[in-house]
Amino acid sequence: MRLPAYELRRRLYIIFRGEEGLDYGGVSREWFFLLSHEVLNPMYCLFEYANKNNYSLQINPASYVNPDHLLYFKFIGRFIAMALYHGRFIYSGFTMPFYKRMLNKKLTMKDIESIDPEFYNSLVWIKDNNIDECGLEMWFSVDFEVLGQVIHHELKPSGDKDRVTEANKEQYLQLVTQWRMTRGIEEQTNAFLDGFNEVVPLEWLKYFDERELELMLCGMQEVDVEDWQRNTIYRHYTRTSKQVAWFWQFVRQMDNEKRARLLQFVTGTCRVPVGGFAELMGSNGPQRFCIEKVGKDTWLPRSHTCFNRLDLPPYKSYEQLCEKLNYAIEETEGFGQE
């Protein structure tokens, strides 16, 4: 990542140490997926889940405990920009407010709802009720806790001395909304954006909204089996072959998480392009998913992620197909040589 930005925009050729795979697109897809899974892992305290019911990521205010945290955030910004530039998906997405921050869009009180529902509801209550009649003693200041330490913050100069009233509560709501979205993470956010901007100028994103940006980075979250089947081709099988029918029966009985793992096994990523399976990309451009009849029924299925192809042996029963596919999906990571 010490390379100049223009070098990071050149065509990538990824080699996994100890692996034989040739990178016609599939290896780099898995590289982005695996590396993003690692650098965005909340266990490293750079990022955290938005809340217990929302697994989107946001910057962890406690990340400052790492003396090199700003360098890490700049590195991650460059890496995420590389993924976007090269059309590769990352493992996990960010919160909608974070995408809006990337797009330099104004954050509103409504944006808090997805990351802190309780805090949002308290602000709605303040907005909908007469503060003076309720007799609440509120000031233009807030307290919050980071790593067991209570931090006091004034929302404006002399905020400790300025009481919130019915007349000025709109100003309070605006200030506390801005604070909630940026508390303890402004330097980290700027470092991330600086790194991102070096590879992909942020002004290039001005034509998109936050949901479109999420789709470009993460793909579609749900795996649409009907769309997948509709955009699949077959070699040495037909649509009516019993092994093909068993395969789609196997896919339909999976939950979405396992479908995503199967998709990663056969394409190198668990995400679907924005336009669905019709827009799957291979080494030479658009490449629909293919199921090819290969080998003997004692063989395991094999994937060619650079070509979105699954080699499916002619298994003799549905149970055998399920057993072999499950083993291949759970135990296989990396690439055989094409």
Protein backbone atom coordinates (compact mmCIF):
# COMPACT_ATOMS: atom_id res chain seq x y z
CA MET A 1 0.00 0.00 0.00
CA ARG A 2 3.05 2.27 -0.14
CA LEU A 3 2.67 2.27 -3.92
CA PRO A 4 1.49 5.43 -5.67
CA ALA A 5 -2.26 5.56 -6.22
CA TYR A 6 -1.96 5.10 -9.99
CA GLU A 7 -0.20 1.77 -9.40
CA LEU A 8 -3.15 0.55 -7.32
CA ARG A 9 -5.48 1.30 -10.23
CA ARG A 10 -3.58 -0.97 -12.62
CA ARG A 11 -4.75 -4.47 -13.44
CA LEU A 12 -4.29 -6.75 -10.46
CA TYR A 13 -2.66 -10.15 -10.52
CA ILE A 14 -2.95 -11.89 -7.15
CA ILE A 15 -0.97 -14.97 -6.10
CA PHE A 16 -1.70 -16.85 -2.88
CA ARG A 17 1.48 -18.22 -1.33
CA GLY A 18 1.45 -22.00 -1.62
CA GLU A 19 -1.49 -22.01 -4.06
CA GLU A 20 -1.44 -22.92 -7.75
CA GLY A 21 -4.30 -20.72 -8.91
CA LEU A 22 -3.90 -18.45 -11.93
CA ASP A 23 -5.62 -15.11 -11.47
CA TYR A 24 -8.11 -14.59 -14.26
CA GLY A 25 -10.34 -12.66 -11.86
CA GLY A 26 -11.43 -15.28 -9.37
CA VAL A 27 -8.31 -15.17 -7.21
CA SER A 28 -8.48 -11.39 -6.83
CA ARG A 29 -12.17 -11.65 -5.94
CA GLU A 30 -11.32 -14.02 -3.11
CA TRP A 31 -8.35 -11.87 -2.06
CA PHE A 32 -10.54 -8.80 -1.61
CA PHE A 33 -13.15 -10.87 0.18
CA LEU A 34 -10.71 -12.52 2.61
CA LEU A 35 -8.63 -9.41 3.30
CA SER A 36 -11.71 -7.27 3.90
CA HIS A 37 -12.99 -9.91 6.31
CA GLU A 38 -9.73 -9.55 8.24
CA VAL A 39 -9.19 -5.78 8.29
CA LEU A 40 -12.84 -5.01 9.10
CA ASN A 41 -13.06 -7.63 11.86
CA PRO A 42 -14.46 -5.94 15.01
CA MET A 43 -12.06 -8.03 17.11
CA TYR A 44 -9.30 -5.58 16.14
CA CYS A 45 -11.31 -2.69 17.61
CA LEU A 46 -10.98 -0.47 14.54
CA PHE A 47 -14.62 -1.08 13.67
CA GLU A 48 -17.66 -2.20 15.62
CA TYR A 49 -21.17 -3.40 14.82
CA ALA A 50 -23.75 -0.63 14.81
CA ASN A 51 -25.80 -2.35 17.52
CA LYS A 52 -26.85 -5.83 18.65
CA ASN A 53 -29.44 -6.08 15.87
CA ASN A 54 -27.46 -4.37 13.11
CA TYR A 55 -24.27 -6.02 11.86
CA SER A 56 -23.29 -3.15 9.60
CA LEU A 57 -19.94 -1.67 10.58
CA GLN A 58 -19.05 1.73 11.95
CA ILE A 59 -15.79 3.19 13.25
CA ASN A 60 -15.08 2.26 16.86
CA PRO A 61 -14.48 5.38 19.02
CA ALA A 62 -12.11 3.28 21.17
CA SER A 63 -9.82 2.68 18.19
CA TYR A 64 -7.63 5.54 19.39
CA VAL A 65 -5.96 3.18 21.91
CA ASN A 66 -3.84 1.88 19.03
CA PRO A 67 -1.15 4.52 18.47
CA ASP A 68 -1.07 3.70 14.73
CA HIS A 69 -4.85 3.68 14.28
CA LEU A 70 -4.91 6.61 11.84
CA LEU A 71 -2.40 4.86 9.58
CA TYR A 72 -4.58 1.76 9.64
CA PHE A 73 -7.68 3.75 8.72
CA LYS A 74 -5.86 5.40 5.82
CA PHE A 75 -4.71 1.97 4.63
CA ILE A 76 -8.26 0.61 4.87
CA GLY A 77 -9.58 3.62 2.96
CA ARG A 78 -7.16 2.91 0.12
CA PHE A 79 -8.05 -0.79 0.16
CA ILE A 80 -11.81 -0.14 0.03
CA ALA A 81 -11.27 2.31 -2.84
CA MET A 82 -9.27 -0.37 -4.68
CA ALA A 83 -12.16 -2.80 -4.28
CA LEU A 84 -14.58 -0.24 -5.71
CA TYR A 85 -12.28 0.70 -8.58
CA HIS A 86 -11.64 -2.92 -9.60
CA GLY A 87 -15.28 -3.95 -9.22
CA ARG A 88 -14.66 -6.36 -6.33
CA PHE A 89 -16.92 -6.88 -3.33
CA ILE A 90 -15.95 -6.62 0.32
CA TYR A 91 -17.01 -8.99 3.08
CA SER A 92 -19.15 -6.65 5.16
CA GLY A 93 -20.79 -3.30 4.59
CA PHE A 94 -20.87 -0.09 6.58
CA THR A 95 -23.79 1.76 8.13
CA MET A 96 -25.88 4.04 5.92
CA PRO A 97 -24.70 7.14 7.83
CA PHE A 98 -21.09 6.18 7.07
CA TYR A 99 -21.86 5.94 3.35
CA LYS A 100 -23.54 9.35 3.54
CA ARG A 101 -20.39 10.70 5.18
CA MET A 102 -18.35 9.32 2.27
CA LEU A 103 -20.71 11.12 -0.11
CA ASN A 104 -20.50 14.35 1.92
CA LYS A 105 -24.28 14.30 2.40
CA LYS A 106 -25.97 15.99 5.33
CA LEU A 107 -26.79 13.66 8.21
CA THR A 108 -30.24 13.93 9.76
CA MET A 109 -31.83 12.78 12.98
CA LYS A 110 -33.53 9.95 11.07
CA ASP A 111 -30.11 8.49 10.25
CA ILE A 112 -29.57 7.72 13.93
CA GLU A 113 -32.46 5.24 13.97
CA SER A 114 -30.54 2.43 12.27
CA ILE A 115 -27.48 2.67 14.54
CA ASP A 116 -28.94 3.68 17.92
CA PRO A 117 -32.73 3.16 18.10
CA GLU A 118 -33.01 4.05 21.79
CA PHE A 119 -31.17 7.33 21.38
CA TYR A 120 -33.23 8.10 18.28
CA ASN A 121 -36.49 7.46 20.16
CA SER A 122 -35.39 9.81 22.93
CA LEU A 123 -34.78 12.56 20.37
CA VAL A 124 -38.17 11.94 18.77
CA TRP A 125 -39.78 12.29 22.20
CA ILE A 126 -38.02 15.63 22.73
CA LYS A 127 -39.16 16.80 19.31
CA ASP A 128 -42.79 15.79 19.86
CA ASN A 129 -43.22 17.09 23.40
CA ASN A 130 -43.11 20.50 25.04
CA ILE A 131 -39.84 20.62 26.98
CA ASP A 132 -40.91 23.53 29.19
CA GLU A 133 -44.09 21.81 30.33
CA CYS A 134 -42.26 18.56 31.12
CA GLY A 135 -39.89 20.30 33.51
CA LEU A 136 -36.80 18.52 32.17
CA GLU A 137 -33.41 19.95 33.04
CA MET A 138 -31.36 19.49 29.88
CA TRP A 139 -28.29 21.41 28.78
CA PHE A 140 -26.31 21.80 25.58
CA SER A 141 -23.84 19.16 26.71
CA VAL A 142 -23.62 15.37 26.74
CA ASP A 143 -21.72 12.62 28.53
CA PHE A 144 -20.59 9.39 26.90
CA GLU A 145 -18.38 6.49 27.87
CA VAL A 146 -15.36 5.07 26.06
CA LEU A 147 -13.41 2.16 27.61
CA GLY A 148 -14.94 2.87 31.00
CA GLN A 149 -14.02 6.55 30.93
CA VAL A 150 -16.85 9.11 31.00
CA ILE A 151 -16.20 11.95 28.58
CA HIS A 152 -18.04 15.25 28.87
CA HIS A 153 -18.70 17.24 25.69
CA GLU A 154 -20.27 20.65 25.19
CA LEU A 155 -22.40 20.84 22.06
CA LYS A 156 -21.57 24.54 21.71
CA PRO A 157 -19.45 27.08 23.62
CA SER A 158 -20.68 27.42 27.22
CA GLY A 159 -23.15 24.61 26.57
CA ASP A 160 -23.07 23.63 30.25
CA LYS A 161 -24.70 26.95 31.07
CA ASP A 162 -27.24 26.98 28.25
CA ARG A 163 -30.46 25.18 29.10
CA VAL A 164 -32.56 23.42 26.45
CA THR A 165 -35.99 25.01 26.14
CA GLU A 166 -38.95 24.68 23.82
CA ALA A 167 -37.67 27.74 21.98
CA ASN A 168 -34.16 26.38 21.27
CA LYS A 169 -34.71 22.62 21.18
CA GLU A 170 -34.44 22.48 17.36
CA GLN A 171 -30.88 23.78 17.66
CA TYR A 172 -30.21 21.19 20.35
CA LEU A 173 -31.55 18.37 18.16
CA GLN A 174 -29.36 19.47 15.25
CA LEU A 175 -26.24 19.71 17.40
CA VAL A 176 -26.79 16.45 19.25
CA THR A 177 -27.48 14.66 15.96
CA GLN A 178 -24.20 15.92 14.52
CA TRP A 179 -22.39 14.93 17.71
CA ARG A 180 -23.89 11.42 17.79
CA MET A 181 -22.74 10.77 14.23
CA THR A 182 -19.18 11.96 14.79
CA ARG A 183 -18.45 11.35 18.48
CA GLY A 184 -14.87 10.28 18.93
CA ILE A 185 -14.39 9.23 15.30
CA GLU A 186 -13.75 12.43 13.34
CA GLU A 187 -9.99 11.89 12.97
CA GLN A 188 -10.47 8.23 12.05
CA THR A 189 -13.12 9.10 9.46
CA ASN A 190 -10.90 11.76 7.88
CA ALA A 191 -7.97 9.33 7.71
CA PHE A 192 -10.19 6.74 6.00
CA LEU A 193 -11.49 9.31 3.51
CA ASP A 194 -7.97 10.62 2.81
CA GLY A 195 -6.83 7.12 1.91
CA PHE A 196 -9.92 6.44 -0.17
CA ASN A 197 -9.59 9.76 -2.02
CA GLU A 198 -6.01 8.94 -3.07
CA VAL A 199 -7.21 5.95 -5.11
CA VAL A 200 -10.75 6.99 -6.05
CA PRO A 201 -11.42 10.75 -5.84
CA LEU A 202 -14.47 11.27 -3.66
CA GLU A 203 -15.94 13.65 -6.22
CA TRP A 204 -16.40 10.64 -8.52
CA LEU A 205 -19.06 9.38 -6.10
CA LYS A 206 -21.29 12.45 -6.30
CA TYR A 207 -23.60 10.78 -8.83
CA PHE A 208 -24.57 8.01 -6.40
CA ASP A 209 -26.63 7.80 -3.24
CA GLU A 210 -25.70 5.81 -0.15
CA ARG A 211 -27.64 2.68 -1.15
CA GLU A 212 -26.07 2.59 -4.59
CA LEU A 213 -22.64 2.95 -3.00
CA GLU A 214 -23.40 0.02 -0.69
CA LEU A 215 -24.48 -2.11 -3.65
CA MET A 216 -21.29 -1.31 -5.55
CA LEU A 217 -19.14 -2.28 -2.57
CA CYS A 218 -21.10 -5.24 -1.21
CA GLY A 219 -23.38 -6.49 -3.97
CA MET A 220 -26.85 -7.80 -3.24
CA GLN A 221 -27.33 -9.25 0.22
CA GLU A 222 -29.98 -11.88 -0.59
CA VAL A 223 -29.24 -14.70 -3.03
CA ASP A 224 -32.15 -14.94 -5.49
CA VAL A 225 -32.27 -18.63 -6.46
CA GLU A 226 -34.73 -18.07 -9.32
CA ASP A 227 -32.46 -15.44 -10.86
CA TRP A 228 -29.43 -17.70 -10.33
CA GLN A 229 -31.10 -20.65 -12.05
CA ARG A 230 -32.43 -18.46 -14.86
CA ASN A 231 -28.91 -17.25 -15.67
CA THR A 232 -27.13 -20.62 -15.56
CA ILE A 233 -25.81 -22.56 -18.54
CA TYR A 234 -24.92 -26.27 -18.72
CA ARG A 235 -22.22 -28.36 -20.38
CA HIS A 236 -22.76 -32.10 -20.87
CA TYR A 237 -25.86 -31.69 -18.70
CA THR A 238 -29.26 -30.29 -19.63
CA ARG A 239 -31.80 -28.37 -17.58
CA THR A 240 -33.70 -31.63 -17.10
CA SER A 241 -30.74 -33.77 -15.99
CA LYS A 242 -31.43 -35.32 -12.59
CA GLN A 243 -28.12 -34.04 -11.19
CA VAL A 244 -29.11 -30.49 -12.21
CA ALA A 245 -32.52 -30.89 -10.60
CA TRP A 246 -30.85 -32.20 -7.43
CA PHE A 247 -28.40 -29.28 -7.42
CA TRP A 248 -31.20 -26.68 -7.46
CA GLN A 249 -33.13 -28.66 -4.86
CA PHE A 250 -29.97 -28.54 -2.73
CA VAL A 251 -29.68 -24.75 -3.19
CA ARG A 252 -33.34 -24.13 -2.34
CA GLN A 253 -33.19 -26.04 0.93
CA MET A 254 -30.24 -23.91 2.12
CA ASP A 255 -30.61 -20.80 4.23
CA ASN A 256 -29.23 -17.58 2.76
CA GLU A 257 -25.94 -17.80 4.66
CA LYS A 258 -25.15 -21.23 3.21
CA ARG A 259 -26.20 -20.08 -0.26
CA ALA A 260 -23.72 -17.24 0.09
CA ARG A 261 -20.98 -19.72 1.02
CA LEU A 262 -21.83 -21.87 -2.00
CA LEU A 263 -21.72 -18.76 -4.16
CA GLN A 264 -18.29 -17.90 -2.77
CA PHE A 265 -17.12 -21.45 -3.54
CA VAL A 266 -18.12 -21.22 -7.20
CA THR A 267 -17.43 -17.52 -7.96
CA GLY A 268 -14.89 -16.39 -5.34
CA THR A 269 -17.31 -13.99 -3.64
CA CYS A 270 -20.51 -14.36 -1.63
CA ARG A 271 -21.98 -11.22 -3.19
CA VAL A 272 -24.12 -10.87 -6.31
CA PRO A 273 -23.57 -7.98 -8.75
CA VAL A 274 -26.07 -5.12 -8.63
CA GLY A 275 -27.77 -6.35 -11.81
CA GLY A 276 -28.10 -9.91 -10.52
CA PHE A 277 -26.59 -13.13 -11.84
CA ALA A 278 -26.84 -11.93 -15.44
CA GLU A 279 -23.95 -9.57 -14.66
CA LEU A 280 -21.51 -12.11 -13.22
CA MET A 281 -18.03 -11.34 -14.54
CA GLY A 282 -15.38 -13.83 -15.62
CA SER A 283 -11.82 -13.48 -16.84
CA ASN A 284 -12.87 -12.10 -20.22
CA GLY A 285 -15.92 -10.08 -19.32
CA PRO A 286 -19.51 -11.20 -18.62
CA GLN A 287 -19.56 -14.89 -17.72
CA ARG A 288 -22.74 -16.65 -16.63
CA PHE A 289 -22.62 -19.38 -14.01
CA CYS A 290 -22.01 -22.79 -15.58
CA ILE A 291 -22.54 -26.33 -14.31
CA GLU A 292 -20.41 -28.86 -16.21
CA LYS A 293 -20.54 -32.64 -16.04
CA VAL A 294 -17.01 -33.76 -15.11
CA GLY A 295 -15.43 -36.83 -13.53
CA LYS A 296 -16.80 -39.80 -11.62
CA ASP A 297 -19.34 -40.02 -8.84
CA THR A 298 -16.52 -40.60 -6.33
CA TRP A 299 -15.01 -37.19 -7.08
CA LEU A 300 -15.67 -33.99 -5.15
CA PRO A 301 -17.17 -31.00 -6.97
CA ARG A 302 -14.56 -28.53 -8.17
CA SER A 303 -14.93 -24.81 -8.79
CA HIS A 304 -13.25 -22.58 -11.37
CA THR A 305 -13.94 -19.17 -9.87
CA CYS A 306 -12.29 -17.25 -12.71
CA PHE A 307 -14.93 -18.68 -15.04
CA ASN A 308 -17.85 -19.01 -12.59
CA ARG A 309 -17.95 -22.74 -13.34
CA LEU A 310 -18.82 -25.72 -11.16
CA ASP A 311 -17.58 -29.15 -12.18
CA LEU A 312 -20.35 -31.42 -10.91
CA PRO A 313 -19.73 -35.18 -11.16
CA PRO A 314 -22.66 -37.45 -12.15
CA TYR A 315 -23.72 -38.44 -8.65
CA LYS A 316 -26.12 -41.37 -8.34
CA SER A 317 -28.39 -39.96 -5.65
CA TYR A 318 -29.53 -36.66 -4.13
CA GLU A 319 -28.02 -37.66 -0.79
CA GLN A 320 -24.62 -38.27 -2.38
CA LEU A 321 -24.72 -34.90 -4.15
CA CYS A 322 -25.56 -33.12 -0.89
CA GLU A 323 -22.77 -34.88 0.98
CA LYS A 324 -20.12 -34.08 -1.64
CA LEU A 325 -21.18 -30.46 -2.11
CA ASN A 326 -21.37 -29.79 1.62
CA TYR A 327 -17.88 -31.20 2.10
CA ALA A 328 -16.46 -29.16 -0.78
CA ILE A 329 -18.04 -25.94 0.47
CA GLU A 330 -17.00 -26.37 4.10
CA GLU A 331 -13.50 -27.76 3.61
CA THR A 332 -12.21 -26.02 0.50
CA GLU A 333 -10.55 -22.62 0.38
CA GLY A 334 -8.15 -21.59 -2.36
CA PHE A 335 -7.82 -22.56 -6.01
CA GLY A 336 -6.73 -25.51 -8.09
CA GLN A 337 -4.93 -24.62 -11.29
CA GLU A 338 -7.21 -23.91 -14.23
